[in-house]
C-alpha atoms as a PDB file:
ATOM      1  CA  MET A   1     220.979 108.390 266.743  1.00  0.00           C
ATOM      2  CA  ASN A   2     218.405 107.645 264.125  1.00  0.00           C
ATOM      3  CA  ASN A   3     218.180 103.875 263.984  1.00  0.00           C
ATOM      4  CA  GLU A   4     215.324 103.951 261.736  1.00  0.00           C
ATOM      5  CA  PHE A   5     217.553 105.765 259.014  1.00  0.00           C
ATOM      6  CA  THR A   6     220.301 103.154 259.518  1.00  0.00           C
ATOM      7  CA  HIS A   7     217.963 100.203 259.109  1.00  0.00           C
ATOM      8  CA  GLN A   8     216.537 101.821 255.987  1.00  0.00           C
ATOM      9  CA  VAL A   9     220.024 102.153 254.236  1.00  0.00           C
ATOM     10  CA  ILE A  10     221.664  98.810 255.492  1.00  0.00           C
ATOM     11  CA  ASP A  11     220.593  95.775 253.477  1.00  0.00           C
ATOM     12  CA  GLU A  12     219.946  92.327 254.691  1.00  0.00           C
ATOM     13  CA  ASP A  13     223.654  91.316 254.223  1.00  0.00           C
ATOM     14  CA  GLY A  14     224.892  94.219 256.209  1.00  0.00           C
ATOM     15  CA  TYR A  15     225.838  96.529 253.401  1.00  0.00           C
ATOM     16  CA  VAL A  16     224.958 100.066 252.993  1.00  0.00           C
ATOM     17  CA  SER A  17     222.748 100.283 249.878  1.00  0.00           C
ATOM     18  CA  PRO A  18     223.612 102.959 247.373  1.00  0.00           C
ATOM     19  CA  LYS A  19     219.872 103.045 246.247  1.00  0.00           C
ATOM     20  CA  ALA A  20     218.290 103.069 249.665  1.00  0.00           C
ATOM     21  CA  LEU A  21     220.613 105.853 250.565  1.00  0.00           C
ATOM     22  CA  ALA A  22     219.929 107.949 247.537  1.00  0.00           C
ATOM     23  CA  ASP A  23     216.060 107.133 248.216  1.00  0.00           C
ATOM     24  CA  GLN A  24     216.484 108.535 251.704  1.00  0.00           C
ATOM     25  CA  PHE A  25     217.815 111.798 250.488  1.00  0.00           C
ATOM     26  CA  HIS A  26     215.238 112.123 247.492  1.00  0.00           C
ATOM     27  CA  THR A  27     218.090 111.971 244.982  1.00  0.00           C
ATOM     28  CA  THR A  28     219.739 109.884 242.441  1.00  0.00           C
ATOM     29  CA  ILE A  29     222.658 107.502 242.354  1.00  0.00           C
ATOM     30  CA  LYS A  30     224.405 110.032 240.289  1.00  0.00           C
ATOM     31  CA  GLU A  31     223.878 112.766 242.892  1.00  0.00           C
ATOM     32  CA  LEU A  32     225.026 110.212 245.499  1.00  0.00           C
ATOM     33  CA  SER A  33     228.207 109.670 243.461  1.00  0.00           C
ATOM     34  CA  HIS A  34     228.915 113.499 243.749  1.00  0.00           C
ATOM     35  CA  LEU A  35     228.121 113.305 247.516  1.00  0.00           C
ATOM     36  CA  THR A  36     230.518 110.362 248.293  1.00  0.00           C
ATOM     37  CA  GLY A  37     233.286 110.958 245.819  1.00  0.00           C
ATOM     38  CA  LEU A  38     232.803 107.416 244.563  1.00  0.00           C
ATOM     39  CA  SER A  39     232.274 106.929 240.716  1.00  0.00           C
ATOM     40  CA  ILE A  40     228.600 106.199 239.521  1.00  0.00           C
ATOM     41  CA  ASN A  41     229.848 102.894 238.021  1.00  0.00           C
ATOM     42  CA  ILE A  42     230.869 101.671 241.528  1.00  0.00           C
ATOM     43  CA  LEU A  43     227.464 102.774 243.034  1.00  0.00           C
ATOM     44  CA  SER A  44     225.324 101.265 240.398  1.00  0.00           C
ATOM     45  CA  LYS A  45     226.898  97.914 240.411  1.00  0.00           C
ATOM     46  CA  LYS A  46     226.245  95.790 243.477  1.00  0.00           C
ATOM     47  CA  ALA A  47     229.534  93.844 243.547  1.00  0.00           C
ATOM     48  CA  ARG A  48     231.487  97.159 243.278  1.00  0.00           C
ATOM     49  CA  ALA A  49     229.154  98.888 245.781  1.00  0.00           C
ATOM     50  CA  HIS A  50     229.947  96.105 248.306  1.00  0.00           C
ATOM     51  CA  SER A  51     233.644  96.578 247.999  1.00  0.00           C
ATOM     52  CA  LYS A  52     235.429  97.389 251.167  1.00  0.00           C
ATOM     53  CA  ILE A  53     236.486 100.955 249.994  1.00  0.00           C
ATOM     54  CA  SER A  54     232.959 101.712 248.756  1.00  0.00           C
ATOM     55  CA  GLN A  55     231.378 100.444 252.029  1.00  0.00           C
ATOM     56  CA  ILE A  56     233.838 102.397 254.191  1.00  0.00           C
ATOM     57  CA  ARG A  57     232.938 105.760 252.399  1.00  0.00           C
ATOM     58  CA  LEU A  58     229.140 104.854 252.451  1.00  0.00           C
ATOM     59  CA  ARG A  59     229.390 103.944 256.022  1.00  0.00           C
ATOM     60  CA  GLU A  60     231.227 107.158 256.899  1.00  0.00           C
ATOM     61  CA  THR A  61     228.498 109.280 255.134  1.00  0.00           C
ATOM     62  CA  VAL A  62     225.726 107.296 257.003  1.00  0.00           C
ATOM     63  CA  GLU A  63     227.503 107.595 260.385  1.00  0.00           C
ATOM     64  CA  ILE A  64     228.116 111.387 260.124  1.00  0.00           C
ATOM     65  CA  ILE A  65     224.498 112.203 258.813  1.00  0.00           C
ATOM     66  CA  ASN A  66     223.132 109.785 261.563  1.00  0.00           C
ATOM     67  CA  ARG A  67     225.213 111.591 264.343  1.00  0.00           C
ATOM     68  CA  VAL A  68     223.852 115.060 263.407  1.00  0.00           C
ATOM     69  CA  THR A  69     220.330 114.165 262.594  1.00  0.00           C
ATOM     70  CA  PRO A  70     219.081 114.917 266.197  1.00  0.00           C
ATOM     71  CA  TRP A  71     220.620 118.349 266.068  1.00  0.00           C
ATOM     72  CA  CYS A  72     219.336 119.244 262.488  1.00  0.00           C
ATOM     73  CA  GLY A  73     215.652 117.868 263.178  1.00  0.00           C
ATOM     74  CA  ASN A  74     215.531 115.111 260.431  1.00  0.00           C
ATOM     75  CA  VAL A  75     217.544 113.144 258.105  1.00  0.00           C
ATOM     76  CA  PHE A  76     216.984 115.441 255.069  1.00  0.00           C
ATOM     77  CA  GLN A  77     218.149 118.403 257.096  1.00  0.00           C
ATOM     78  CA  ALA A  78     221.152 116.597 258.414  1.00  0.00           C
ATOM     79  CA  TYR A  79     221.817 115.752 254.725  1.00  0.00           C
ATOM     80  CA  ALA A  80     221.619 119.368 253.752  1.00  0.00           C
ATOM     81  CA  TRP A  81     224.041 120.298 256.686  1.00  0.00           C
ATOM     82  CA  TYR A  82     226.609 117.546 255.343  1.00  0.00           C
ATOM     83  CA  ARG A  83     226.538 118.994 251.863  1.00  0.00           C
ATOM     84  CA  SER A  84     226.398 122.730 252.510  1.00  0.00           C
ATOM     85  CA  GLU A  85     227.411 123.981 255.992  1.00  0.00           C
ATOM     86  CA  PRO A  86     230.915 125.438 255.955  1.00  0.00           C
ATOM     87  CA  LEU A  87     232.840 124.285 259.022  1.00  0.00           C
ATOM     88  CA  PRO A  88     235.161 127.158 260.398  1.00  0.00           C
ATOM     89  CA  SER A  89     237.463 124.634 262.003  1.00  0.00           C
ATOM     90  CA  PHE A  90     238.221 123.041 258.770  1.00  0.00           C
ATOM     91  CA  GLY A  91     238.670 126.130 256.700  1.00  0.00           C
ATOM     92  CA  ASP A  92     235.066 126.388 255.862  1.00  0.00           C
ATOM     93  CA  LEU A  93     235.119 123.020 254.051  1.00  0.00           C
ATOM     94  CA  THR A  94     231.890 121.094 254.432  1.00  0.00           C
ATOM     95  CA  ALA A  95     231.492 117.617 255.783  1.00  0.00           C
ATOM     96  CA  GLU A  96     231.038 116.272 252.352  1.00  0.00           C
ATOM     97  CA  ASP A  97     234.387 117.778 251.179  1.00  0.00           C
ATOM     98  CA  LEU A  98     236.198 116.283 254.190  1.00  0.00           C
ATOM     99  CA  VAL A  99     234.805 112.794 253.756  1.00  0.00           C
ATOM    100  CA  LYS A 100     235.665 112.931 250.032  1.00  0.00           C
ATOM    101  CA  ASN A 101     239.107 113.910 250.960  1.00  0.00           C
ATOM    102  CA  GLY A 102     239.489 110.889 253.404  1.00  0.00           C
ATOM    103  CA  LYS A 103     239.131 113.166 256.652  1.00  0.00           C
ATOM    104  CA  ALA A 104     235.930 111.267 257.907  1.00  0.00           C
ATOM    105  CA  GLU A 105     237.587 110.581 261.250  1.00  0.00           C
ATOM    106  CA  ALA A 106     238.349 114.297 261.667  1.00  0.00           C
ATOM    107  CA  ILE A 107     234.833 115.156 261.171  1.00  0.00           C
ATOM    108  CA  LYS A 108     233.597 112.476 263.574  1.00  0.00           C
ATOM    109  CA  ARG A 109     235.988 113.617 266.270  1.00  0.00           C
ATOM    110  CA  TYR A 110     234.764 117.273 265.479  1.00  0.00           C
ATOM    111  CA  ILE A 111     231.085 116.279 265.844  1.00  0.00           C
ATOM    112  CA  GLU A 112     231.913 114.307 269.108  1.00  0.00           C
ATOM    113  CA  ARG A 113     233.812 117.442 270.545  1.00  0.00           C
ATOM    114  CA  ILE A 114     230.726 119.468 269.986  1.00  0.00           C
ATOM    115  CA  ALA A 115     228.456 116.775 271.474  1.00  0.00           C
ATOM    116  CA  GLU A 116     230.431 116.986 274.657  1.00  0.00           C
ATOM    117  CA  GLY A 117     230.036 120.641 274.821  1.00  0.00           C
ATOM    118  CA  GLY A 118     233.120 121.776 273.047  1.00  0.00           C
ATOM    119  CA  TYR A 119     233.428 124.627 270.568  1.00  0.00           C
ATOM    120  CA  ALA A 120     233.091 124.510 266.821  1.00  0.00           C
END
């Protein structure tokens, strides 16, 4: 796990900061909106970004990227994997596609299965 990444994207109140997350990926809030499936209006307003639904989606994204970072080499490569690597077990959808469609738990179980020596 990459605790440095986690500490950099979680603010002093314990919320995942959309701005800090976008900064980590060298991208914009607009692109983060596409990444998470949350609207740009939600991510650009602190009160909306702190809502339970928004934080769940942001935390799922952070957890998954954090989990695969050791396998990918660094956070930016893990971000690239999250966005673009087709996963055969899920009909070649990406982790991004699955999280946007509410399937974050499935991708987390998939990653855990691989971590334990299972097959993709």
